[in-house]
């Protein structure tokens, strides 16, 4: 019931000062990591 959206929202705040490459690396990983483990 937690879901990736809640985590992504928290990470969004934590990565406000990051450079674009680091942000894209993090959000690409969040998208991929959440899908399988929910199963």
ModelCIF file with pLDDT and N, C-alpha, C, O atoms, coordinates in Angstrom:
data_MODEL
#
_entry.id   MODEL 
#
_entity.id                         1 
_entity.type                       polymer 
_entity.pdbx_number_of_molecules   1 
#
_entity_poly.entity_id                      1 
_entity_poly.type                           'polypeptide(L)' 
_entity_poly.nstd_linkage                   no 
_entity_poly.nstd_monomer                   no 
_entity_poly.pdbx_seq_one_letter_code       
;(UNK)(UNK)(UNK)(UNK)(UNK)(UNK)(UNK)(UNK)(UNK)(UNK)(UNK)(UNK)(UNK)(UNK)(UNK)(UNK)
(UNK)(UNK)(UNK)(UNK)(UNK)(UNK)(UNK)(UNK)(UNK)(UNK)(UNK)(UNK)(UNK)(UNK)(UNK)(UNK)
(UNK)(UNK)(UNK)(UNK)(UNK)(UNK)(UNK)
;
_entity_poly.pdbx_seq_one_letter_code_can   XXXXXXXXXXXXXXXXXXXXXXXXXXXXXXXXXXXXXXX 
_entity_poly.pdbx_strand_id                 A 
#
loop_
_entity_poly_seq.entity_id 
_entity_poly_seq.num 
_entity_poly_seq.mon_id 
_entity_poly_seq.hetero 
1 1  UNK n 
1 2  UNK n 
1 3  UNK n 
1 4  UNK n 
1 5  UNK n 
1 6  UNK n 
1 7  UNK n 
1 8  UNK n 
1 9  UNK n 
1 10 UNK n 
1 11 UNK n 
1 12 UNK n 
1 13 UNK n 
1 14 UNK n 
1 15 UNK n 
1 16 UNK n 
1 17 UNK n 
1 18 UNK n 
1 19 UNK n 
1 20 UNK n 
1 21 UNK n 
1 22 UNK n 
1 23 UNK n 
1 24 UNK n 
1 25 UNK n 
1 26 UNK n 
1 27 UNK n 
1 28 UNK n 
1 29 UNK n 
1 30 UNK n 
1 31 UNK n 
1 32 UNK n 
1 33 UNK n 
1 34 UNK n 
1 35 UNK n 
1 36 UNK n 
1 37 UNK n 
1 38 UNK n 
1 39 UNK n 
#
_struct_asym.id          A 
_struct_asym.entity_id   1 
#
loop_
_ma_qa_metric.id 
_ma_qa_metric.mode 
_ma_qa_metric.name 
_ma_qa_metric.software_group_id 
_ma_qa_metric.type 
1 global pLDDT . pLDDT 
2 local  pLDDT . pLDDT 
#
_ma_qa_metric_global.metric_id      1 
_ma_qa_metric_global.metric_value   74.26 
_ma_qa_metric_global.model_id       1 
_ma_qa_metric_global.ordinal_id     1 
#
loop_
_ma_qa_metric_local.label_asym_id 
_ma_qa_metric_local.label_comp_id 
_ma_qa_metric_local.label_seq_id 
_ma_qa_metric_local.metric_id 
_ma_qa_metric_local.metric_value 
_ma_qa_metric_local.model_id 
_ma_qa_metric_local.ordinal_id 
A UNK 1  2 44.00 1 1  
A UNK 2  2 50.00 1 2  
A UNK 3  2 52.00 1 3  
A UNK 4  2 59.00 1 4  
A UNK 5  2 58.00 1 5  
A UNK 6  2 56.00 1 6  
A UNK 7  2 65.00 1 7  
A UNK 8  2 69.00 1 8  
A UNK 9  2 60.00 1 9  
A UNK 10 2 62.00 1 10 
A UNK 11 2 77.00 1 11 
A UNK 12 2 71.00 1 12 
A UNK 13 2 63.00 1 13 
A UNK 14 2 75.00 1 14 
A UNK 15 2 79.00 1 15 
A UNK 16 2 72.00 1 16 
A UNK 17 2 80.00 1 17 
A UNK 18 2 87.00 1 18 
A UNK 19 2 88.00 1 19 
A UNK 20 2 88.00 1 20 
A UNK 21 2 90.00 1 21 
A UNK 22 2 91.00 1 22 
A UNK 23 2 88.00 1 23 
A UNK 24 2 89.00 1 24 
A UNK 25 2 91.00 1 25 
A UNK 26 2 89.00 1 26 
A UNK 27 2 86.00 1 27 
A UNK 28 2 85.00 1 28 
A UNK 29 2 86.00 1 29 
A UNK 30 2 82.00 1 30 
A UNK 31 2 76.00 1 31 
A UNK 32 2 74.00 1 32 
A UNK 33 2 74.00 1 33 
A UNK 34 2 70.00 1 34 
A UNK 35 2 70.00 1 35 
A UNK 36 2 72.00 1 36 
A UNK 37 2 73.00 1 37 
A UNK 38 2 74.00 1 38 
A UNK 39 2 81.00 1 39 
#
loop_
_atom_site.group_PDB 
_atom_site.id 
_atom_site.type_symbol 
_atom_site.label_atom_id 
_atom_site.label_alt_id 
_atom_site.label_comp_id 
_atom_site.label_asym_id 
_atom_site.label_entity_id 
_atom_site.label_seq_id 
_atom_site.pdbx_PDB_ins_code 
_atom_site.Cartn_x 
_atom_site.Cartn_y 
_atom_site.Cartn_z 
_atom_site.occupancy 
_atom_site.B_iso_or_equiv 
_atom_site.pdbx_formal_charge 
_atom_site.auth_seq_id 
_atom_site.auth_comp_id 
_atom_site.auth_asym_id 
_atom_site.auth_atom_id 
_atom_site.pdbx_PDB_model_num 
ATOM 1   N N  . UNK A 1 1  ? 0.771  -1.231  0.000   1.00 44.00 ? 1  UNK A N  1 
ATOM 2   C CA . UNK A 1 1  ? 0.000  0.000   0.000   1.00 44.00 ? 1  UNK A CA 1 
ATOM 3   C C  . UNK A 1 1  ? 0.805  1.284   0.000   1.00 44.00 ? 1  UNK A C  1 
ATOM 4   O O  . UNK A 1 1  ? 0.224  2.359   -0.148  1.00 44.00 ? 1  UNK A O  1 
ATOM 5   N N  . UNK A 1 2  ? 2.140  1.216   0.162   1.00 50.00 ? 2  UNK A N  1 
ATOM 6   C CA . UNK A 1 2  ? 2.934  2.440   0.201   1.00 50.00 ? 2  UNK A CA 1 
ATOM 7   C C  . UNK A 1 2  ? 3.060  3.021   -1.200  1.00 50.00 ? 2  UNK A C  1 
ATOM 8   O O  . UNK A 1 2  ? 2.683  4.170   -1.428  1.00 50.00 ? 2  UNK A O  1 
ATOM 9   N N  . UNK A 1 3  ? 3.587  2.243   -2.142  1.00 52.00 ? 3  UNK A N  1 
ATOM 10  C CA . UNK A 1 3  ? 3.635  2.677   -3.526  1.00 52.00 ? 3  UNK A CA 1 
ATOM 11  C C  . UNK A 1 3  ? 4.832  3.551   -3.840  1.00 52.00 ? 3  UNK A C  1 
ATOM 12  O O  . UNK A 1 3  ? 5.440  4.166   -2.964  1.00 52.00 ? 3  UNK A O  1 
ATOM 13  N N  . UNK A 1 4  ? 5.146  3.580   -5.132  1.00 59.00 ? 4  UNK A N  1 
ATOM 14  C CA . UNK A 1 4  ? 6.307  4.326   -5.583  1.00 59.00 ? 4  UNK A CA 1 
ATOM 15  C C  . UNK A 1 4  ? 6.060  5.822   -5.617  1.00 59.00 ? 4  UNK A C  1 
ATOM 16  O O  . UNK A 1 4  ? 6.999  6.605   -5.474  1.00 59.00 ? 4  UNK A O  1 
ATOM 17  N N  . UNK A 1 5  ? 4.808  6.235   -5.804  1.00 58.00 ? 5  UNK A N  1 
ATOM 18  C CA . UNK A 1 5  ? 4.511  7.663   -5.918  1.00 58.00 ? 5  UNK A CA 1 
ATOM 19  C C  . UNK A 1 5  ? 4.869  8.416   -4.631  1.00 58.00 ? 5  UNK A C  1 
ATOM 20  O O  . UNK A 1 5  ? 5.421  9.515   -4.680  1.00 58.00 ? 5  UNK A O  1 
ATOM 21  N N  . UNK A 1 6  ? 4.552  7.818   -3.487  1.00 56.00 ? 6  UNK A N  1 
ATOM 22  C CA . UNK A 1 6  ? 4.858  8.472   -2.211  1.00 56.00 ? 6  UNK A CA 1 
ATOM 23  C C  . UNK A 1 6  ? 6.366  8.625   -2.031  1.00 56.00 ? 6  UNK A C  1 
ATOM 24  O O  . UNK A 1 6  ? 6.841  9.678   -1.605  1.00 56.00 ? 6  UNK A O  1 
ATOM 25  N N  . UNK A 1 7  ? 7.116  7.574   -2.356  1.00 65.00 ? 7  UNK A N  1 
ATOM 26  C CA . UNK A 1 7  ? 8.572  7.648   -2.244  1.00 65.00 ? 7  UNK A CA 1 
ATOM 27  C C  . UNK A 1 7  ? 9.145  8.665   -3.219  1.00 65.00 ? 7  UNK A C  1 
ATOM 28  O O  . UNK A 1 7  ? 10.048 9.429   -2.877  1.00 65.00 ? 7  UNK A O  1 
ATOM 29  N N  . UNK A 1 8  ? 8.606  8.668   -4.449  1.00 69.00 ? 8  UNK A N  1 
ATOM 30  C CA . UNK A 1 8  ? 9.109  9.605   -5.455  1.00 69.00 ? 8  UNK A CA 1 
ATOM 31  C C  . UNK A 1 8  ? 8.879  11.048  -5.024  1.00 69.00 ? 8  UNK A C  1 
ATOM 32  O O  . UNK A 1 8  ? 9.710  11.917  -5.288  1.00 69.00 ? 8  UNK A O  1 
ATOM 33  N N  . UNK A 1 9  ? 7.759  11.306  -4.365  1.00 60.00 ? 9  UNK A N  1 
ATOM 34  C CA . UNK A 1 9  ? 7.480  12.661  -3.900  1.00 60.00 ? 9  UNK A CA 1 
ATOM 35  C C  . UNK A 1 9  ? 8.493  13.094  -2.839  1.00 60.00 ? 9  UNK A C  1 
ATOM 36  O O  . UNK A 1 9  ? 8.945  14.239  -2.826  1.00 60.00 ? 9  UNK A O  1 
ATOM 37  N N  . UNK A 1 10 ? 8.838  12.162  -1.954  1.00 62.00 ? 10 UNK A N  1 
ATOM 38  C CA . UNK A 1 10 ? 9.832  12.485  -0.929  1.00 62.00 ? 10 UNK A CA 1 
ATOM 39  C C  . UNK A 1 10 ? 11.217 12.699  -1.550  1.00 62.00 ? 10 UNK A C  1 
ATOM 40  O O  . UNK A 1 10 ? 11.945 13.616  -1.169  1.00 62.00 ? 10 UNK A O  1 
ATOM 41  N N  . UNK A 1 11 ? 11.568 11.839  -2.513  1.00 77.00 ? 11 UNK A N  1 
ATOM 42  C CA . UNK A 1 11 ? 12.863 11.967  -3.170  1.00 77.00 ? 11 UNK A CA 1 
ATOM 43  C C  . UNK A 1 11 ? 12.944 13.265  -3.965  1.00 77.00 ? 11 UNK A C  1 
ATOM 44  O O  . UNK A 1 11 ? 14.011 13.871  -4.066  1.00 77.00 ? 11 UNK A O  1 
ATOM 45  N N  . UNK A 1 12 ? 11.812 13.690  -4.530  1.00 71.00 ? 12 UNK A N  1 
ATOM 46  C CA . UNK A 1 12 ? 11.794 14.939  -5.295  1.00 71.00 ? 12 UNK A CA 1 
ATOM 47  C C  . UNK A 1 12 ? 12.258 16.111  -4.437  1.00 71.00 ? 12 UNK A C  1 
ATOM 48  O O  . UNK A 1 12 ? 13.032 16.956  -4.887  1.00 71.00 ? 12 UNK A O  1 
ATOM 49  N N  . UNK A 1 13 ? 11.776 16.148  -3.201  1.00 63.00 ? 13 UNK A N  1 
ATOM 50  C CA . UNK A 1 13 ? 12.170 17.227  -2.292  1.00 63.00 ? 13 UNK A CA 1 
ATOM 51  C C  . UNK A 1 13 ? 13.652 17.112  -1.932  1.00 63.00 ? 13 UNK A C  1 
ATOM 52  O O  . UNK A 1 13 ? 14.358 18.117  -1.849  1.00 63.00 ? 13 UNK A O  1 
ATOM 53  N N  . UNK A 1 14 ? 14.120 15.871  -1.717  1.00 75.00 ? 14 UNK A N  1 
ATOM 54  C CA . UNK A 1 14 ? 15.499 15.669  -1.288  1.00 75.00 ? 14 UNK A CA 1 
ATOM 55  C C  . UNK A 1 14 ? 16.506 15.949  -2.401  1.00 75.00 ? 14 UNK A C  1 
ATOM 56  O O  . UNK A 1 14 ? 17.684 16.170  -2.125  1.00 75.00 ? 14 UNK A O  1 
ATOM 57  N N  . UNK A 1 15 ? 16.053 15.942  -3.662  1.00 79.00 ? 15 UNK A N  1 
ATOM 58  C CA . UNK A 1 15 ? 16.985 16.097  -4.784  1.00 79.00 ? 15 UNK A CA 1 
ATOM 59  C C  . UNK A 1 15 ? 16.873 17.462  -5.456  1.00 79.00 ? 15 UNK A C  1 
ATOM 60  O O  . UNK A 1 15 ? 17.321 17.624  -6.591  1.00 79.00 ? 15 UNK A O  1 
ATOM 61  N N  . UNK A 1 16 ? 16.295 18.423  -4.792  1.00 72.00 ? 16 UNK A N  1 
ATOM 62  C CA . UNK A 1 16 ? 16.122 19.740  -5.405  1.00 72.00 ? 16 UNK A CA 1 
ATOM 63  C C  . UNK A 1 16 ? 17.458 20.392  -5.762  1.00 72.00 ? 16 UNK A C  1 
ATOM 64  O O  . UNK A 1 16 ? 17.542 21.131  -6.743  1.00 72.00 ? 16 UNK A O  1 
ATOM 65  N N  . UNK A 1 17 ? 18.492 20.127  -4.982  1.00 80.00 ? 17 UNK A N  1 
ATOM 66  C CA . UNK A 1 17 ? 19.786 20.742  -5.246  1.00 80.00 ? 17 UNK A CA 1 
ATOM 67  C C  . UNK A 1 17 ? 20.716 19.916  -6.108  1.00 80.00 ? 17 UNK A C  1 
ATOM 68  O O  . UNK A 1 17 ? 21.877 20.281  -6.289  1.00 80.00 ? 17 UNK A O  1 
ATOM 69  N N  . UNK A 1 18 ? 20.221 18.793  -6.652  1.00 87.00 ? 18 UNK A N  1 
ATOM 70  C CA . UNK A 1 18 ? 21.070 17.919  -7.451  1.00 87.00 ? 18 UNK A CA 1 
ATOM 71  C C  . UNK A 1 18 ? 21.192 18.442  -8.880  1.00 87.00 ? 18 UNK A C  1 
ATOM 72  O O  . UNK A 1 18 ? 20.392 19.261  -9.331  1.00 87.00 ? 18 UNK A O  1 
ATOM 73  N N  . UNK A 1 19 ? 22.218 17.947  -9.584  1.00 88.00 ? 19 UNK A N  1 
ATOM 74  C CA . UNK A 1 19 ? 22.352 18.267  -11.003 1.00 88.00 ? 19 UNK A CA 1 
ATOM 75  C C  . UNK A 1 19 ? 21.410 17.376  -11.811 1.00 88.00 ? 19 UNK A C  1 
ATOM 76  O O  . UNK A 1 19 ? 20.997 16.329  -11.311 1.00 88.00 ? 19 UNK A O  1 
ATOM 77  N N  . UNK A 1 20 ? 21.054 17.755  -13.051 1.00 88.00 ? 20 UNK A N  1 
ATOM 78  C CA . UNK A 1 20 ? 20.072 16.999  -13.840 1.00 88.00 ? 20 UNK A CA 1 
ATOM 79  C C  . UNK A 1 20 ? 20.435 15.531  -14.055 1.00 88.00 ? 20 UNK A C  1 
ATOM 80  O O  . UNK A 1 20 ? 19.554 14.673  -14.007 1.00 88.00 ? 20 UNK A O  1 
ATOM 81  N N  . UNK A 1 21 ? 21.711 15.224  -14.291 1.00 90.00 ? 21 UNK A N  1 
ATOM 82  C CA . UNK A 1 21 ? 22.104 13.842  -14.537 1.00 90.00 ? 21 UNK A CA 1 
ATOM 83  C C  . UNK A 1 21 ? 21.812 12.974  -13.312 1.00 90.00 ? 21 UNK A C  1 
ATOM 84  O O  . UNK A 1 21 ? 21.274 11.875  -13.452 1.00 90.00 ? 21 UNK A O  1 
ATOM 85  N N  . UNK A 1 22 ? 22.154 13.445  -12.130 1.00 91.00 ? 22 UNK A N  1 
ATOM 86  C CA . UNK A 1 22 ? 21.911 12.677  -10.904 1.00 91.00 ? 22 UNK A CA 1 
ATOM 87  C C  . UNK A 1 22 ? 20.424 12.488  -10.661 1.00 91.00 ? 22 UNK A C  1 
ATOM 88  O O  . UNK A 1 22 ? 19.989 11.421  -10.228 1.00 91.00 ? 22 UNK A O  1 
ATOM 89  N N  . UNK A 1 23 ? 19.653 13.518  -10.939 1.00 88.00 ? 23 UNK A N  1 
ATOM 90  C CA . UNK A 1 23 ? 18.197 13.420  -10.755 1.00 88.00 ? 23 UNK A CA 1 
ATOM 91  C C  . UNK A 1 23 ? 17.614 12.369  -11.682 1.00 88.00 ? 23 UNK A C  1 
ATOM 92  O O  . UNK A 1 23 ? 16.793 11.562  -11.245 1.00 88.00 ? 23 UNK A O  1 
ATOM 93  N N  . UNK A 1 24 ? 18.009 12.353  -12.940 1.00 89.00 ? 24 UNK A N  1 
ATOM 94  C CA . UNK A 1 24 ? 17.490 11.380  -13.893 1.00 89.00 ? 24 UNK A CA 1 
ATOM 95  C C  . UNK A 1 24 ? 17.917 9.965   -13.519 1.00 89.00 ? 24 UNK A C  1 
ATOM 96  O O  . UNK A 1 24 ? 17.140 9.024   -13.686 1.00 89.00 ? 24 UNK A O  1 
ATOM 97  N N  . UNK A 1 25 ? 19.143 9.798   -13.015 1.00 91.00 ? 25 UNK A N  1 
ATOM 98  C CA . UNK A 1 25 ? 19.589 8.483   -12.552 1.00 91.00 ? 25 UNK A CA 1 
ATOM 99  C C  . UNK A 1 25 ? 18.717 7.984   -11.401 1.00 91.00 ? 25 UNK A C  1 
ATOM 100 O O  . UNK A 1 25 ? 18.349 6.810   -11.361 1.00 91.00 ? 25 UNK A O  1 
ATOM 101 N N  . UNK A 1 26 ? 18.390 8.869   -10.474 1.00 89.00 ? 26 UNK A N  1 
ATOM 102 C CA . UNK A 1 26 ? 17.581 8.481   -9.330  1.00 89.00 ? 26 UNK A CA 1 
ATOM 103 C C  . UNK A 1 26 ? 16.152 8.128   -9.736  1.00 89.00 ? 26 UNK A C  1 
ATOM 104 O O  . UNK A 1 26 ? 15.618 7.112   -9.291  1.00 89.00 ? 26 UNK A O  1 
ATOM 105 N N  . UNK A 1 27 ? 15.532 8.949   -10.568 1.00 86.00 ? 27 UNK A N  1 
ATOM 106 C CA . UNK A 1 27 ? 14.127 8.709   -10.908 1.00 86.00 ? 27 UNK A CA 1 
ATOM 107 C C  . UNK A 1 27 ? 13.968 7.546   -11.884 1.00 86.00 ? 27 UNK A C  1 
ATOM 108 O O  . UNK A 1 27 ? 12.940 6.870   -11.868 1.00 86.00 ? 27 UNK A O  1 
ATOM 109 N N  . UNK A 1 28 ? 14.962 7.302   -12.728 1.00 85.00 ? 28 UNK A N  1 
ATOM 110 C CA . UNK A 1 28 ? 14.910 6.098   -13.548 1.00 85.00 ? 28 UNK A CA 1 
ATOM 111 C C  . UNK A 1 28 ? 14.956 4.852   -12.684 1.00 85.00 ? 28 UNK A C  1 
ATOM 112 O O  . UNK A 1 28 ? 14.252 3.879   -12.958 1.00 85.00 ? 28 UNK A O  1 
ATOM 113 N N  . UNK A 1 29 ? 15.782 4.871   -11.635 1.00 86.00 ? 29 UNK A N  1 
ATOM 114 C CA . UNK A 1 29 ? 15.879 3.732   -10.726 1.00 86.00 ? 29 UNK A CA 1 
ATOM 115 C C  . UNK A 1 29 ? 14.605 3.557   -9.913  1.00 86.00 ? 29 UNK A C  1 
ATOM 116 O O  . UNK A 1 29 ? 14.167 2.429   -9.685  1.00 86.00 ? 29 UNK A O  1 
ATOM 117 N N  . UNK A 1 30 ? 14.004 4.663   -9.470  1.00 82.00 ? 30 UNK A N  1 
ATOM 118 C CA . UNK A 1 30 ? 12.758 4.563   -8.712  1.00 82.00 ? 30 UNK A CA 1 
ATOM 119 C C  . UNK A 1 30 ? 11.657 3.928   -9.547  1.00 82.00 ? 30 UNK A C  1 
ATOM 120 O O  . UNK A 1 30 ? 10.877 3.121   -9.040  1.00 82.00 ? 30 UNK A O  1 
ATOM 121 N N  . UNK A 1 31 ? 11.590 4.289   -10.822 1.00 76.00 ? 31 UNK A N  1 
ATOM 122 C CA . UNK A 1 31 ? 10.561 3.727   -11.700 1.00 76.00 ? 31 UNK A CA 1 
ATOM 123 C C  . UNK A 1 31 ? 10.753 2.231   -11.890 1.00 76.00 ? 31 UNK A C  1 
ATOM 124 O O  . UNK A 1 31 ? 9.787  1.472   -11.827 1.00 76.00 ? 31 UNK A O  1 
ATOM 125 N N  . UNK A 1 32 ? 11.987 1.798   -12.122 1.00 74.00 ? 32 UNK A N  1 
ATOM 126 C CA . UNK A 1 32 ? 12.242 0.383   -12.366 1.00 74.00 ? 32 UNK A CA 1 
ATOM 127 C C  . UNK A 1 32 ? 12.182 -0.465  -11.119 1.00 74.00 ? 32 UNK A C  1 
ATOM 128 O O  . UNK A 1 32 ? 11.683 -1.589  -11.165 1.00 74.00 ? 32 UNK A O  1 
ATOM 129 N N  . UNK A 1 33 ? 12.682 0.047   -9.993  1.00 74.00 ? 33 UNK A N  1 
ATOM 130 C CA . UNK A 1 33 ? 12.738 -0.766  -8.776  1.00 74.00 ? 33 UNK A CA 1 
ATOM 131 C C  . UNK A 1 33 ? 11.393 -1.060  -8.177  1.00 74.00 ? 33 UNK A C  1 
ATOM 132 O O  . UNK A 1 33 ? 11.215 -2.087  -7.522  1.00 74.00 ? 33 UNK A O  1 
ATOM 133 N N  . UNK A 1 34 ? 10.432 -0.170  -8.391  1.00 70.00 ? 34 UNK A N  1 
ATOM 134 C CA . UNK A 1 34 ? 9.126  -0.341  -7.750  1.00 70.00 ? 34 UNK A CA 1 
ATOM 135 C C  . UNK A 1 34 ? 8.280  -1.394  -8.432  1.00 70.00 ? 34 UNK A C  1 
ATOM 136 O O  . UNK A 1 34 ? 7.472  -2.055  -7.780  1.00 70.00 ? 34 UNK A O  1 
ATOM 137 N N  . UNK A 1 35 ? 8.451  -1.564  -9.736  1.00 70.00 ? 35 UNK A N  1 
ATOM 138 C CA . UNK A 1 35 ? 7.511  -2.383  -10.503 1.00 70.00 ? 35 UNK A CA 1 
ATOM 139 C C  . UNK A 1 35 ? 7.542  -3.841  -10.081 1.00 70.00 ? 35 UNK A C  1 
ATOM 140 O O  . UNK A 1 35 ? 6.498  -4.418  -9.778  1.00 70.00 ? 35 UNK A O  1 
ATOM 141 N N  . UNK A 1 36 ? 8.722  -4.445  -10.056 1.00 72.00 ? 36 UNK A N  1 
ATOM 142 C CA . UNK A 1 36 ? 8.805  -5.871  -9.756  1.00 72.00 ? 36 UNK A CA 1 
ATOM 143 C C  . UNK A 1 36 ? 8.529  -6.187  -8.293  1.00 72.00 ? 36 UNK A C  1 
ATOM 144 O O  . UNK A 1 36 ? 7.823  -7.150  -7.994  1.00 72.00 ? 36 UNK A O  1 
ATOM 145 N N  . UNK A 1 37 ? 9.075  -5.392  -7.378  1.00 73.00 ? 37 UNK A N  1 
ATOM 146 C CA . UNK A 1 37 ? 8.947  -5.739  -5.960  1.00 73.00 ? 37 UNK A CA 1 
ATOM 147 C C  . UNK A 1 37 ? 7.504  -5.686  -5.478  1.00 73.00 ? 37 UNK A C  1 
ATOM 148 O O  . UNK A 1 37 ? 7.154  -6.355  -4.506  1.00 73.00 ? 37 UNK A O  1 
ATOM 149 N N  . UNK A 1 38 ? 6.664  -4.899  -6.144  1.00 74.00 ? 38 UNK A N  1 
ATOM 150 C CA . UNK A 1 38 ? 5.253  -4.910  -5.766  1.00 74.00 ? 38 UNK A CA 1 
ATOM 151 C C  . UNK A 1 38 ? 4.607  -6.259  -5.991  1.00 74.00 ? 38 UNK A C  1 
ATOM 152 O O  . UNK A 1 38 ? 3.589  -6.576  -5.376  1.00 74.00 ? 38 UNK A O  1 
ATOM 153 N N  . UNK A 1 39 ? 5.202  -7.064  -6.882  1.00 81.00 ? 39 UNK A N  1 
ATOM 154 C CA . UNK A 1 39 ? 4.654  -8.394  -7.155  1.00 81.00 ? 39 UNK A CA 1 
ATOM 155 C C  . UNK A 1 39 ? 5.036  -9.406  -6.078  1.00 81.00 ? 39 UNK A C  1 
ATOM 156 O O  . UNK A 1 39 ? 4.651  -10.573 -6.163  1.00 81.00 ? 39 UNK A O  1 
#
